[in-house]
Amino acid sequence: MIKSVIKNTVSKETWDKFREKKRQFHNLLIKSTLNPELKNDKKIVIIGVADYNNLGDHAIAEAQNQFVSKIIDSSLEIKNKYKIVEIPTKTPVRHIMSILNSEDIILFTGGGNLGTKYDFLDDTFMPIIDKYPNNKKLFFPQSYTFNESGDSEKRLTEIKNKFAKSGKNLTITARESKSLELFKTTFPANNVIYCPDIVLSLNTFSEPKTVPEYDVLMLMRDSGEKVLDFDTQNELINTLKQSFTVKVKENDEVGFVKHTDRMPELNKAWAEVQNSNLVITDRLHGMIFAHILEKPCIVFDNYNSKIKMTYQDWLKDMDTIAFIDPRGEVNPSDISKVISKLMIKSVKPFDTDKKYKPLENQLKSIIK
């Protein structure tokens, strides 16, 4: 309660500075789990991989690792030269810097964390970009999430100046066309390339069961980026249950997941998708999980339309995905009819070779 009173009393800028000081103090108490001998190794460091309960972010981490590993494994010379080191999100930046050297390739995890919505940029990304301007660096596919409130213009100028120090040594990968244009405009000194969310590149999954256990799997948010209101969602669930077997999951029902333990949890989540005939979701990676596991999908947009942009830019030609904007009228009876039509269709494969060529080429130019 005291926390709420203070937050509602002070300005947003003061509250953000207080939170930053609190994180800095907390980080001083954390002991490093990184092997100090890594300082002397030539390595590819992937910074910010998930070590919490968001399975979409764990899927990003797994896809990144597989993508880089495939490039390394394609050349014996490169394979003998580099090792991949994953750095979990909660690792203090001083611990990361203790193992970096001037020859390391620095990769930053993808998602929606290149902006001011979350703390990754200030806590980890910016200090490293600022200190290692000559190292080759790359952001995996990202959404542009910079706020337009408070002292945003002043902050953005500071960020642009620090990014500009790296010049073409820093590559930003945009995962939607809107983000692509914003990144190009905001960071003209850096490389900006374009390809889908990295999870669409995954192709390794658990074995499906012969007969699905339920018709519809609903993977829904219970807060955060959600736009679909709960009354409409509950009405939809009750309507669907009259004609279909329905399983509902709100958020990721898992606890703390170490980055080294992500595959068992991902396989559980993927098995649930495979045990359905169709997925309904308001999560970006709910839509992506459905598609890569060859299940039809009905998807509701989220608050910043990253789902809409991903659908329009990369998946709109797939006739097994139905996009719905929940800001308009949502009719549960109409959705029930759409389900019946989608269930009889086969999911077309995603052309990963073509869609990820810009990222593959850029990484190959960096990893020599």
Protein backbone atom coordinates (compact mmCIF):
# COMPACT_ATOMS: atom_id res chain seq x y z
CA MET A 1 0.00 0.00 0.00
CA ILE A 2 2.86 2.38 0.87
CA LYS A 3 4.39 1.64 -2.52
CA SER A 4 1.13 2.61 -4.26
CA VAL A 5 0.84 5.85 -2.28
CA ILE A 6 4.41 6.89 -3.17
CA LYS A 7 3.95 5.95 -6.85
CA ASN A 8 0.76 8.01 -7.10
CA THR A 9 2.35 10.99 -5.32
CA VAL A 10 5.63 11.49 -7.20
CA SER A 11 6.11 12.17 -10.92
CA LYS A 12 6.66 9.32 -13.35
CA GLU A 13 10.26 10.48 -13.93
CA THR A 14 10.97 10.44 -10.17
CA TRP A 15 9.37 7.01 -9.80
CA ASP A 16 11.40 5.61 -12.68
CA LYS A 17 14.63 6.96 -11.15
CA PHE A 18 13.69 5.42 -7.80
CA ARG A 19 13.10 2.05 -9.44
CA GLU A 20 16.43 2.32 -11.27
CA LYS A 21 18.31 3.00 -7.99
CA LYS A 22 16.53 0.07 -6.36
CA ARG A 23 17.55 -2.27 -9.20
CA GLN A 24 21.14 -1.02 -9.05
CA PHE A 25 21.32 -1.66 -5.31
CA HIS A 26 19.80 -5.12 -5.71
CA ASN A 27 22.29 -5.97 -8.46
CA LEU A 28 25.19 -5.14 -6.16
CA LEU A 29 24.13 -8.04 -3.92
CA ILE A 30 24.05 -10.64 -6.71
CA LYS A 31 27.11 -12.84 -7.10
CA SER A 32 28.26 -13.69 -10.62
CA THR A 33 27.58 -17.18 -11.99
CA LEU A 34 29.69 -16.55 -15.11
CA ASN A 35 33.02 -18.31 -15.45
CA PRO A 36 35.71 -15.59 -15.32
CA GLU A 37 37.84 -17.64 -17.74
CA LEU A 38 35.33 -16.75 -20.48
CA LYS A 39 37.09 -13.37 -20.66
CA ASN A 40 39.88 -15.01 -22.66
CA ASP A 41 37.63 -16.95 -25.06
CA LYS A 42 36.47 -15.77 -28.47
CA LYS A 43 32.71 -16.05 -28.22
CA ILE A 44 29.26 -15.12 -29.43
CA VAL A 45 27.37 -13.71 -26.45
CA ILE A 46 23.56 -13.67 -26.53
CA ILE A 47 22.46 -11.18 -23.88
CA GLY A 48 19.03 -11.03 -22.24
CA VAL A 49 17.73 -14.58 -22.74
CA ALA A 50 14.61 -15.37 -20.71
CA ASP A 51 15.01 -16.66 -17.16
CA TYR A 52 11.38 -16.14 -16.06
CA ASN A 53 7.95 -17.61 -16.83
CA ASN A 54 7.15 -16.16 -20.27
CA LEU A 55 7.28 -19.13 -22.64
CA GLY A 56 7.12 -16.89 -25.71
CA ASP A 57 10.39 -15.31 -24.61
CA HIS A 58 11.87 -18.75 -23.91
CA ALA A 59 10.90 -19.73 -27.46
CA ILE A 60 12.72 -16.62 -28.69
CA ALA A 61 15.82 -17.71 -26.78
CA GLU A 62 15.68 -21.24 -28.20
CA ALA A 63 15.13 -20.00 -31.75
CA GLN A 64 18.06 -17.58 -31.44
CA ASN A 65 20.36 -20.31 -30.18
CA GLN A 66 19.33 -22.68 -32.99
CA PHE A 67 19.70 -19.95 -35.62
CA VAL A 68 23.24 -19.02 -34.54
CA SER A 69 24.23 -22.67 -34.01
CA LYS A 70 23.17 -23.51 -37.56
CA ILE A 71 25.43 -20.78 -38.95
CA ILE A 72 28.37 -21.87 -36.80
CA ASP A 73 27.90 -25.55 -37.64
CA SER A 74 27.98 -24.76 -41.36
CA SER A 75 31.71 -24.05 -41.20
CA LEU A 76 34.28 -26.13 -39.30
CA GLU A 77 36.60 -23.12 -39.18
CA ILE A 78 33.95 -20.95 -37.53
CA LYS A 79 32.83 -23.78 -35.24
CA ASN A 80 36.36 -24.18 -33.89
CA LYS A 81 36.74 -20.42 -33.40
CA TYR A 82 33.62 -19.45 -31.43
CA LYS A 83 31.51 -20.69 -28.54
CA ILE A 84 27.97 -19.51 -27.81
CA VAL A 85 27.39 -18.04 -24.34
CA GLU A 86 23.82 -17.23 -23.26
CA ILE A 87 23.41 -14.52 -20.62
CA PRO A 88 20.12 -14.60 -18.63
CA THR A 89 18.06 -11.43 -18.28
CA LYS A 90 18.65 -11.01 -14.56
CA THR A 91 22.45 -10.98 -14.91
CA PRO A 92 23.84 -7.59 -13.73
CA VAL A 93 25.63 -5.69 -16.48
CA ARG A 94 28.87 -5.53 -14.46
CA HIS A 95 28.99 -9.33 -14.49
CA ILE A 96 28.48 -9.39 -18.24
CA MET A 97 31.22 -6.84 -18.81
CA SER A 98 33.60 -8.90 -16.67
CA ILE A 99 33.70 -11.64 -19.35
CA LEU A 100 33.55 -9.54 -22.54
CA ASN A 101 36.59 -8.82 -24.69
CA SER A 102 37.22 -6.73 -27.82
CA GLU A 103 36.79 -9.71 -30.19
CA ASP A 104 33.43 -10.91 -28.90
CA ILE A 105 30.32 -10.76 -31.05
CA ILE A 106 27.47 -9.34 -28.96
CA LEU A 107 23.88 -10.33 -29.77
CA PHE A 108 20.87 -8.89 -27.94
CA THR A 109 17.71 -10.95 -27.47
CA GLY A 110 14.71 -10.18 -29.65
CA GLY A 111 11.14 -9.30 -28.72
CA GLY A 112 9.71 -5.97 -27.63
CA ASN A 113 12.50 -4.84 -25.32
CA LEU A 114 14.30 -2.32 -27.54
CA GLY A 115 12.49 0.71 -26.19
CA THR A 116 11.28 2.29 -22.98
CA LYS A 117 8.44 -0.08 -22.04
CA TYR A 118 10.78 -2.44 -20.18
CA ASP A 119 14.05 -1.96 -18.28
CA PHE A 120 16.39 -4.01 -20.53
CA LEU A 121 17.57 -1.01 -22.56
CA ASP A 122 18.65 1.14 -19.61
CA ASP A 123 19.90 -1.67 -17.36
CA THR A 124 21.88 -3.74 -19.84
CA PHE A 125 21.75 -2.92 -23.54
CA MET A 126 22.78 0.76 -23.45
CA PRO A 127 25.74 0.38 -21.05
CA ILE A 128 27.18 -2.42 -23.21
CA ILE A 129 26.59 -0.61 -26.50
CA ASP A 130 28.19 2.49 -24.99
CA LYS A 131 31.29 0.67 -23.65
CA TYR A 132 31.92 -1.60 -26.66
CA PRO A 133 31.37 0.58 -29.76
CA ASN A 134 33.91 -1.37 -31.87
CA ASN A 135 32.47 -4.84 -31.21
CA LYS A 136 30.09 -6.28 -33.79
CA LYS A 137 26.60 -6.17 -32.26
CA LEU A 138 23.14 -7.21 -33.42
CA PHE A 139 19.60 -7.06 -32.07
CA PHE A 140 17.49 -10.08 -33.00
CA PRO A 141 14.01 -9.23 -34.44
CA GLN A 142 12.51 -6.41 -32.39
CA SER A 143 9.43 -4.21 -32.11
CA TYR A 144 9.84 -0.46 -31.64
CA THR A 145 8.53 0.32 -28.14
CA PHE A 146 9.72 3.84 -27.30
CA ASN A 147 7.22 5.91 -25.31
CA GLU A 148 6.08 9.35 -26.37
CA SER A 149 5.50 10.79 -22.90
CA GLY A 150 7.47 12.63 -20.21
CA ASP A 151 11.02 13.55 -21.18
CA SER A 152 11.02 11.01 -24.02
CA GLU A 153 12.61 13.36 -26.56
CA LYS A 154 15.57 14.05 -24.28
CA ARG A 155 16.00 10.36 -23.48
CA LEU A 156 15.73 9.32 -27.09
CA THR A 157 18.44 11.81 -28.06
CA GLU A 158 20.74 10.29 -25.45
CA ILE A 159 20.00 6.77 -26.71
CA LYS A 160 20.56 7.79 -30.36
CA ASN A 161 23.92 9.35 -29.49
CA LYS A 162 25.12 6.21 -27.73
CA PHE A 163 23.91 3.97 -30.55
CA ALA A 164 25.58 6.25 -33.10
CA LYS A 165 28.99 5.65 -31.49
CA SER A 166 28.79 2.06 -32.78
CA GLY A 167 27.80 3.12 -36.30
CA LYS A 168 27.57 0.16 -38.68
CA ASN A 169 29.00 -2.12 -35.97
CA LEU A 170 25.44 -2.20 -34.60
CA THR A 171 22.60 -3.89 -36.49
CA ILE A 172 18.94 -3.62 -35.46
CA THR A 173 16.52 -6.20 -36.84
CA ALA A 174 12.92 -5.00 -37.12
CA ARG A 175 10.20 -7.65 -37.01
CA GLU A 176 7.35 -5.58 -38.48
CA SER A 177 7.22 -2.94 -41.23
CA LYS A 178 6.08 -0.20 -38.83
CA SER A 179 9.05 -0.89 -36.56
CA LEU A 180 11.35 -1.02 -39.59
CA GLU A 181 10.51 2.54 -40.61
CA LEU A 182 10.73 3.83 -37.04
CA PHE A 183 14.11 2.19 -36.44
CA LYS A 184 15.46 3.58 -39.72
CA THR A 185 14.29 7.08 -38.83
CA THR A 186 15.45 6.93 -35.21
CA PHE A 187 18.83 5.24 -35.72
CA PRO A 188 20.13 6.34 -39.16
CA ALA A 189 23.76 5.73 -38.14
CA ASN A 190 23.19 2.01 -37.61
CA ASN A 191 22.31 -0.94 -39.85
CA VAL A 192 18.60 -1.76 -39.87
CA ILE A 193 17.36 -5.00 -41.44
CA TYR A 194 13.95 -6.69 -41.59
CA CYS A 195 12.70 -10.22 -40.92
CA PRO A 196 9.96 -11.99 -38.89
CA ASP A 197 9.89 -12.76 -35.19
CA ILE A 198 12.64 -15.34 -34.71
CA VAL A 199 10.24 -17.98 -33.29
CA LEU A 200 8.79 -18.50 -36.78
CA SER A 201 12.15 -20.02 -37.72
CA LEU A 202 11.76 -22.93 -35.25
CA ASN A 203 11.24 -26.41 -36.61
CA THR A 204 11.88 -28.78 -33.69
CA PHE A 205 8.89 -29.89 -31.63
CA SER A 206 7.59 -32.68 -29.43
CA GLU A 207 5.71 -35.57 -31.06
CA PRO A 208 1.97 -34.96 -31.58
CA LYS A 209 -0.65 -37.38 -30.35
CA THR A 210 -2.73 -39.23 -32.95
CA VAL A 211 -6.10 -37.79 -31.92
CA PRO A 212 -6.38 -34.28 -30.43
CA GLU A 213 -7.93 -34.19 -26.96
CA TYR A 214 -9.93 -31.00 -27.55
CA ASP A 215 -11.26 -28.95 -30.43
CA VAL A 216 -10.18 -25.49 -29.28
CA LEU A 217 -7.23 -24.35 -27.18
CA MET A 218 -7.52 -20.77 -25.94
CA LEU A 219 -4.18 -19.14 -25.04
CA MET A 220 -5.19 -15.83 -23.51
CA ARG A 221 -3.66 -13.01 -21.50
CA ASP A 222 -5.14 -12.08 -18.14
CA SER A 223 -3.74 -8.52 -18.21
CA GLY A 224 -0.89 -6.50 -19.69
CA GLU A 225 -1.15 -6.14 -23.48
CA LYS A 226 -4.73 -7.39 -23.62
CA VAL A 227 -7.44 -5.50 -25.56
CA LEU A 228 -10.27 -8.08 -25.68
CA ASP A 229 -12.48 -7.38 -22.66
CA PHE A 230 -13.18 -10.22 -20.23
CA ASP A 231 -16.97 -10.08 -20.57
CA THR A 232 -16.70 -10.71 -24.31
CA GLN A 233 -14.06 -13.37 -23.74
CA ASN A 234 -16.28 -15.22 -21.24
CA GLU A 235 -19.25 -14.95 -23.58
CA LEU A 236 -17.11 -16.41 -26.35
CA ILE A 237 -15.99 -19.31 -24.16
CA ASN A 238 -19.56 -20.15 -23.15
CA THR A 239 -20.76 -19.98 -26.76
CA LEU A 240 -17.97 -22.22 -28.04
CA LYS A 241 -18.57 -24.82 -25.33
CA GLN A 242 -22.02 -25.42 -26.80
CA SER A 243 -20.45 -26.86 -29.98
CA PHE A 244 -16.82 -27.69 -29.17
CA THR A 245 -14.57 -29.09 -26.49
CA VAL A 246 -12.61 -26.10 -25.20
CA LYS A 247 -9.48 -25.76 -23.03
CA VAL A 248 -8.64 -22.30 -21.66
CA LYS A 249 -5.20 -21.17 -20.48
CA GLU A 250 -4.58 -17.67 -19.16
CA ASN A 251 -0.94 -16.62 -19.28
CA ASP A 252 1.91 -19.08 -18.80
CA GLU A 253 0.98 -21.37 -15.93
CA VAL A 254 4.60 -22.11 -15.05
CA GLY A 255 6.88 -20.85 -12.32
CA PHE A 256 10.44 -19.61 -12.59
CA VAL A 257 12.17 -21.28 -15.54
CA LYS A 258 15.96 -21.22 -15.89
CA HIS A 259 17.26 -20.56 -19.39
CA THR A 260 18.96 -23.96 -19.27
CA ASP A 261 15.63 -25.70 -18.53
CA ARG A 262 13.44 -24.08 -21.18
CA MET A 263 12.94 -27.04 -23.53
CA PRO A 264 10.88 -29.25 -21.15
CA GLU A 265 8.46 -26.36 -20.54
CA LEU A 266 8.32 -25.43 -24.22
CA ASN A 267 7.63 -29.04 -25.17
CA LYS A 268 4.73 -29.12 -22.70
CA ALA A 269 3.26 -25.96 -24.23
CA TRP A 270 3.74 -27.24 -27.77
CA ALA A 271 2.15 -30.58 -26.85
CA GLU A 272 -0.99 -28.73 -25.71
CA VAL A 273 -1.18 -26.94 -29.06
CA GLN A 274 -0.72 -30.22 -30.89
CA ASN A 275 -3.50 -31.78 -28.82
CA SER A 276 -6.02 -29.31 -30.23
CA ASN A 277 -7.62 -28.82 -33.63
CA LEU A 278 -7.50 -25.02 -33.49
CA VAL A 279 -6.00 -22.23 -31.35
CA ILE A 280 -7.67 -18.99 -30.26
CA THR A 281 -5.28 -16.45 -28.76
CA ASP A 282 -4.50 -12.81 -28.04
CA ARG A 283 -0.77 -13.50 -27.69
CA LEU A 284 1.73 -12.97 -30.50
CA HIS A 285 3.54 -16.20 -29.77
CA GLY A 286 0.25 -18.01 -29.33
CA MET A 287 -0.40 -17.26 -33.01
CA ILE A 288 3.16 -18.21 -33.95
CA PHE A 289 3.08 -21.47 -31.94
CA ALA A 290 -0.15 -22.43 -33.71
CA HIS A 291 1.32 -21.75 -37.14
CA ILE A 292 4.64 -23.55 -36.71
CA LEU A 293 2.76 -26.51 -35.21
CA GLU A 294 0.42 -26.50 -38.22
CA LYS A 295 -2.79 -25.62 -36.37
CA PRO A 296 -5.41 -23.13 -37.64
CA CYS A 297 -5.68 -20.04 -35.50
CA ILE A 298 -8.00 -17.18 -34.60
CA VAL A 299 -6.03 -14.27 -33.17
CA PHE A 300 -7.15 -11.05 -31.44
CA ASP A 301 -4.97 -7.96 -31.65
CA ASN A 302 -3.13 -6.56 -28.62
CA TYR A 303 -2.67 -3.00 -27.33
CA ASN A 304 0.25 -1.95 -29.57
CA SER A 305 -0.87 -3.92 -32.65
CA LYS A 306 2.34 -5.95 -32.89
CA ILE A 307 0.08 -8.93 -33.58
CA LYS A 308 -1.71 -7.08 -36.37
CA MET A 309 1.60 -5.96 -37.88
CA THR A 310 3.10 -9.46 -37.72
CA TYR A 311 -0.03 -10.92 -39.29
CA GLN A 312 -0.19 -8.32 -42.08
CA ASP A 313 3.55 -8.34 -42.83
CA TRP A 314 4.23 -12.08 -42.71
CA LEU A 315 1.12 -14.26 -42.34
CA LYS A 316 -1.83 -12.60 -44.11
CA ASP A 317 -1.54 -15.01 -47.06
CA MET A 318 -2.13 -17.95 -44.73
CA ASP A 319 -5.83 -18.83 -45.03
CA THR A 320 -5.65 -20.80 -41.77
CA ILE A 321 -5.24 -17.66 -39.65
CA ALA A 322 -8.20 -15.38 -38.94
CA PHE A 323 -7.27 -11.97 -37.50
CA ILE A 324 -9.84 -10.08 -35.40
CA ASP A 325 -9.49 -6.55 -34.03
CA PRO A 326 -11.23 -6.63 -30.62
CA ARG A 327 -11.65 -2.85 -30.71
CA GLY A 328 -14.59 -3.49 -33.04
CA GLU A 329 -17.60 -5.75 -32.60
CA VAL A 330 -16.79 -9.33 -31.59
CA ASN A 331 -19.63 -11.76 -32.26
CA PRO A 332 -19.11 -15.18 -30.58
CA SER A 333 -21.60 -16.87 -32.94
CA ASP A 334 -19.68 -15.66 -36.00
CA ILE A 335 -16.41 -16.91 -34.49
CA SER A 336 -17.96 -20.31 -33.97
CA LYS A 337 -18.74 -20.46 -37.71
CA VAL A 338 -15.18 -19.41 -38.57
CA ILE A 339 -13.81 -22.26 -36.44
CA SER A 340 -15.77 -24.84 -38.39
CA LYS A 341 -14.36 -23.50 -41.67
CA LEU A 342 -10.75 -23.25 -40.45
CA MET A 343 -10.62 -26.74 -38.96
CA ILE A 344 -10.89 -28.44 -42.35
CA LYS A 345 -7.95 -26.51 -43.85
CA SER A 346 -4.28 -27.52 -43.94
CA VAL A 347 -1.62 -25.06 -42.75
CA LYS A 348 0.86 -24.01 -45.43
CA PRO A 349 4.56 -24.02 -44.45
CA PHE A 350 6.38 -20.75 -43.75
CA ASP A 351 9.24 -19.98 -46.14
CA THR A 352 11.97 -19.63 -43.51
CA ASP A 353 14.87 -19.77 -46.00
CA LYS A 354 13.65 -16.70 -47.87
CA LYS A 355 12.18 -14.71 -44.98
CA TYR A 356 15.26 -14.99 -42.76
CA LYS A 357 17.88 -14.46 -45.46
CA PRO A 358 18.64 -10.83 -44.38
CA LEU A 359 19.36 -11.97 -40.82
CA GLU A 360 21.33 -15.00 -41.97
CA ASN A 361 23.46 -12.90 -44.32
CA GLN A 362 24.11 -10.25 -41.68
CA LEU A 363 25.16 -12.80 -39.07
CA LYS A 364 27.42 -14.56 -41.55
CA SER A 365 29.11 -11.24 -42.33
CA ILE A 366 29.68 -10.74 -38.61
CA ILE A 367 30.67 -14.30 -37.68
CA LYS A 368 33.83 -14.89 -39.70
